[in-house]
């Protein structure tokens, strides 16, 4: 039997090409992971933005619909020329009517709702002023109440009105409501965001509006 030292296996390290290849593969993997994470983050952010925008639209349009469907044929002033009661006044940039105020907004009862569209030269907003109505007249507050901003950051906003024609059919849309002693049949609110995207159209039929047109109910 021979005894002796067994030659040790030579240790072998990584070559430069292997190191470079591993580095490239690692960088590629990190790049893919970063791109995937970035895409996922953007998707989440877009989803959150869309959800916030949708919630904003539902809140604003729901409030407008609720106020308009609550319109009452109650006068808030008298025409200084012919003394006719003024129950609804509307232009493309402003509309005024009486509706009961919900308890969560104040003391309840009939209030003049004054919706106005304001343009500061950069963006458009819709504001609401409320005034109590008693015995067909608007009660002036001792301390003027600052209008509340309903929605802001818009590109455009407008109101339109529709009535029955002389034959009992629905007439064309009007940018101005001139028959102040009567309620319009339909009211349309059009809003466009600052990015040019139009909001869902809001068309509201006012209660009892058709009763003032030759006794025809809508």
Protein backbone atom coordinates (compact mmCIF):
# COMPACT_ATOMS: atom_id res chain seq x y z
CA UNK A 1 0.00 0.00 0.00
CA UNK A 2 1.32 3.36 -1.00
CA UNK A 3 0.71 6.37 1.09
CA UNK A 4 1.01 9.84 -0.32
CA UNK A 5 -0.69 13.21 -0.74
CA UNK A 6 -3.63 13.34 -3.19
CA UNK A 7 -3.25 16.25 -5.57
CA UNK A 8 -5.72 18.98 -4.56
CA UNK A 9 -8.37 19.99 -7.19
CA UNK A 10 -7.56 23.37 -8.52
CA UNK A 11 -10.03 26.04 -7.39
CA UNK A 12 -11.64 27.91 -10.25
CA UNK A 13 -13.15 31.47 -10.00
CA UNK A 14 -15.59 33.43 -12.22
CA UNK A 15 -14.34 34.75 -15.48
CA UNK A 16 -14.86 38.38 -16.50
CA UNK A 17 -17.47 37.38 -19.09
CA UNK A 18 -19.48 35.49 -16.46
CA UNK A 19 -19.38 38.46 -14.11
CA UNK A 20 -20.52 40.81 -16.88
CA UNK A 21 -23.29 38.42 -17.91
CA UNK A 22 -24.54 38.12 -14.33
CA UNK A 23 -24.49 41.90 -13.98
CA UNK A 24 -26.49 42.34 -17.18
CA UNK A 25 -29.04 39.75 -16.10
CA UNK A 26 -29.36 41.38 -12.67
CA UNK A 27 -29.83 44.83 -14.22
CA UNK A 28 -32.43 43.47 -16.63
CA UNK A 29 -34.32 41.80 -13.80
CA UNK A 30 -34.28 44.98 -11.72
CA UNK A 31 -35.41 46.98 -14.74
CA UNK A 32 -38.36 44.66 -15.36
CA UNK A 33 -39.31 44.72 -11.69
CA UNK A 34 -39.12 48.53 -11.58
CA UNK A 35 -41.18 48.87 -14.76
CA UNK A 36 -43.77 46.47 -13.41
CA UNK A 37 -43.95 48.34 -10.10
CA UNK A 38 -44.21 51.70 -11.89
CA UNK A 39 -46.99 50.45 -14.16
CA UNK A 40 -48.87 49.01 -11.20
CA UNK A 41 -48.50 52.29 -9.27
CA UNK A 42 -49.78 54.31 -12.22
CA UNK A 43 -52.71 51.96 -12.64
CA UNK A 44 -53.63 52.36 -8.98
CA UNK A 45 -53.27 56.14 -9.21
CA UNK A 46 -55.44 56.29 -12.34
CA UNK A 47 -58.04 54.13 -10.64
CA UNK A 48 -58.04 56.35 -7.55
CA UNK A 49 -58.28 59.50 -9.71
CA UNK A 50 -61.19 58.05 -11.68
CA UNK A 51 -62.95 57.00 -8.49
CA UNK A 52 -62.45 60.47 -6.96
CA UNK A 53 -63.70 62.14 -10.15
CA UNK A 54 -66.73 59.85 -10.28
CA UNK A 55 -67.55 60.52 -6.63
CA UNK A 56 -67.22 64.26 -7.20
CA UNK A 57 -69.57 64.13 -10.18
CA UNK A 58 -72.14 62.02 -8.34
CA UNK A 59 -72.09 64.37 -5.34
CA UNK A 60 -72.44 67.58 -7.37
CA UNK A 61 -75.02 66.28 -9.84
CA UNK A 62 -76.96 64.57 -7.07
CA UNK A 63 -77.13 67.82 -5.10
CA UNK A 64 -78.27 69.78 -8.16
CA UNK A 65 -80.89 67.18 -9.01
CA UNK A 66 -82.20 67.15 -5.45
CA UNK A 67 -82.49 70.94 -5.31
CA UNK A 68 -84.19 71.17 -8.70
CA UNK A 69 -86.67 68.36 -8.07
CA UNK A 70 -87.57 70.14 -4.85
CA UNK A 71 -88.49 73.36 -6.65
CA UNK A 72 -91.72 74.88 -5.38
CA UNK A 73 -93.99 77.30 -7.30
CA UNK A 74 -93.45 79.89 -4.57
CA UNK A 75 -92.69 83.52 -5.37
CA UNK A 76 -89.51 85.07 -3.98
CA UNK A 77 -90.07 88.57 -5.41
CA UNK A 78 -92.44 90.66 -7.53
CA UNK A 79 -91.75 92.17 -10.92
CA UNK A 80 -91.36 95.94 -10.39
CA UNK A 81 -93.08 96.69 -13.72
CA UNK A 82 -96.15 94.44 -13.84
CA UNK A 83 -96.19 93.22 -10.20
CA UNK A 84 -96.27 89.60 -11.35
CA UNK A 85 -94.77 87.09 -8.89
CA UNK A 86 -91.29 85.84 -9.74
CA UNK A 87 -91.06 82.09 -9.20
CA UNK A 88 -88.17 81.11 -11.47
CA UNK A 89 -85.49 83.26 -13.08
CA UNK A 90 -82.84 81.71 -15.28
CA UNK A 91 -80.11 82.57 -17.75
CA UNK A 92 -77.23 80.50 -19.10
CA UNK A 93 -75.11 81.63 -16.18
CA UNK A 94 -77.55 81.94 -13.29
CA UNK A 95 -80.82 80.49 -12.02
CA UNK A 96 -82.98 81.32 -9.01
CA UNK A 97 -85.88 79.37 -7.56
CA UNK A 98 -87.44 78.40 -4.23
CA UNK A 99 -87.06 74.99 -2.63
CA UNK A 100 -87.31 73.70 0.92
CA UNK A 101 -83.95 73.59 2.61
CA UNK A 102 -83.01 70.22 4.15
CA UNK A 103 -82.58 70.27 7.91
CA UNK A 104 -78.91 69.32 7.60
CA UNK A 105 -78.27 72.55 5.66
CA UNK A 106 -80.05 74.91 8.01
CA UNK A 107 -83.34 75.60 9.71
CA UNK A 108 -85.49 74.15 6.92
CA UNK A 109 -88.38 75.84 5.19
CA UNK A 110 -88.52 77.64 1.82
CA UNK A 111 -85.26 79.21 0.69
CA UNK A 112 -84.27 81.05 -2.43
CA UNK A 113 -81.61 78.99 -4.21
CA UNK A 114 -79.36 81.23 -6.28
CA UNK A 115 -76.96 79.22 -8.46
CA UNK A 116 -74.40 81.35 -10.27
CA UNK A 117 -71.55 80.50 -12.65
CA UNK A 118 -68.39 82.50 -12.05
CA UNK A 119 -65.36 82.78 -14.34
CA UNK A 120 -62.06 84.08 -12.94
CA UNK A 121 -60.39 84.05 -16.35
CA UNK A 122 -58.66 80.74 -15.73
CA UNK A 123 -61.32 78.39 -14.40
CA UNK A 124 -65.07 78.33 -13.95
CA UNK A 125 -66.95 77.48 -10.78
CA UNK A 126 -70.57 77.15 -9.66
CA UNK A 127 -71.57 78.82 -6.40
CA UNK A 128 -74.78 78.70 -4.37
CA UNK A 129 -76.34 81.44 -2.25
CA UNK A 130 -79.29 80.75 0.05
CA UNK A 131 -81.83 83.26 1.40
CA UNK A 132 -84.97 82.67 3.43
CA UNK A 133 -88.30 83.36 1.73
CA UNK A 134 -91.38 84.56 3.64
CA UNK A 135 -94.73 85.70 2.25
CA UNK A 136 -93.43 85.79 -1.31
CA UNK A 137 -90.41 87.95 -0.51
CA UNK A 138 -86.75 87.20 0.09
CA UNK A 139 -85.58 87.99 3.60
CA UNK A 140 -82.31 89.88 3.64
CA UNK A 141 -79.82 88.71 6.24
CA UNK A 142 -78.29 91.24 8.64
CA UNK A 143 -74.90 89.78 7.82
CA UNK A 144 -74.51 88.81 4.15
CA UNK A 145 -73.79 85.12 3.75
CA UNK A 146 -70.88 84.29 1.50
CA UNK A 147 -71.84 82.03 -1.44
CA UNK A 148 -70.79 78.40 -1.07
CA UNK A 149 -68.68 76.86 -3.84
CA UNK A 150 -70.51 73.85 -5.23
CA UNK A 151 -67.86 72.87 -7.79
CA UNK A 152 -64.74 74.57 -9.14
CA UNK A 153 -61.89 73.94 -11.57
CA UNK A 154 -64.19 73.70 -14.59
CA UNK A 155 -63.59 74.72 -18.19
CA UNK A 156 -67.22 75.72 -18.72
CA UNK A 157 -70.70 75.47 -17.22
CA UNK A 158 -74.15 76.50 -18.38
CA UNK A 159 -77.88 76.18 -17.69
CA UNK A 160 -80.70 75.71 -20.22
CA UNK A 161 -84.48 75.60 -19.96
CA UNK A 162 -87.36 74.03 -21.82
CA UNK A 163 -91.12 74.61 -21.82
CA UNK A 164 -94.26 73.36 -23.49
CA UNK A 165 -95.07 74.99 -26.79
CA UNK A 166 -98.47 76.37 -27.77
CA UNK A 167 -99.64 72.98 -29.06
CA UNK A 168 -98.84 71.06 -25.90
CA UNK A 169 -95.56 69.65 -27.16
CA UNK A 170 -92.08 70.20 -25.80
CA UNK A 171 -90.48 73.36 -27.11
CA UNK A 172 -86.82 74.03 -27.93
CA UNK A 173 -84.08 74.58 -25.37
CA UNK A 174 -83.69 78.20 -24.23
CA UNK A 175 -80.63 79.92 -22.77
CA UNK A 176 -82.87 82.34 -20.91
CA UNK A 177 -86.12 81.75 -19.05
CA UNK A 178 -88.28 84.83 -19.49
CA UNK A 179 -91.59 83.66 -18.01
CA UNK A 180 -90.64 84.36 -14.42
CA UNK A 181 -94.08 83.68 -12.97
CA UNK A 182 -93.97 80.06 -14.19
CA UNK A 183 -91.57 77.17 -13.76
CA UNK A 184 -89.78 75.70 -16.77
CA UNK A 185 -90.67 72.17 -17.74
CA UNK A 186 -87.06 70.94 -17.90
CA UNK A 187 -83.74 72.29 -16.69
CA UNK A 188 -80.42 71.14 -18.12
CA UNK A 189 -77.05 71.58 -16.44
CA UNK A 190 -73.92 71.17 -18.54
CA UNK A 191 -70.46 71.00 -16.94
CA UNK A 192 -67.05 70.48 -18.57
CA UNK A 193 -63.89 69.73 -16.60
CA UNK A 194 -60.68 71.71 -17.04
CA UNK A 195 -59.27 68.90 -19.20
CA UNK A 196 -62.18 69.23 -21.64
CA UNK A 197 -64.05 66.12 -20.51
CA UNK A 198 -67.80 66.68 -20.34
CA UNK A 199 -69.69 65.53 -17.26
CA UNK A 200 -72.69 63.21 -17.67
CA UNK A 201 -75.64 65.38 -18.80
CA UNK A 202 -78.14 66.38 -16.13
CA UNK A 203 -81.72 67.02 -17.25
CA UNK A 204 -84.31 67.49 -14.52
CA UNK A 205 -88.10 67.71 -14.85
CA UNK A 206 -89.44 70.25 -12.37
CA UNK A 207 -92.50 69.21 -10.33
CA UNK A 208 -95.77 70.97 -11.18
CA UNK A 209 -94.02 72.87 -13.97
CA UNK A 210 -96.48 71.82 -16.64
CA UNK A 211 -99.51 72.99 -14.67
CA UNK A 212 -98.91 76.60 -15.62
CA UNK A 213 -99.18 75.97 -19.37
CA UNK A 214 -102.84 75.76 -20.29
CA UNK A 215 -103.55 73.25 -17.53
CA UNK A 216 -101.47 70.55 -19.19
CA UNK A 217 -99.48 68.46 -16.74
CA UNK A 218 -96.16 66.90 -17.68
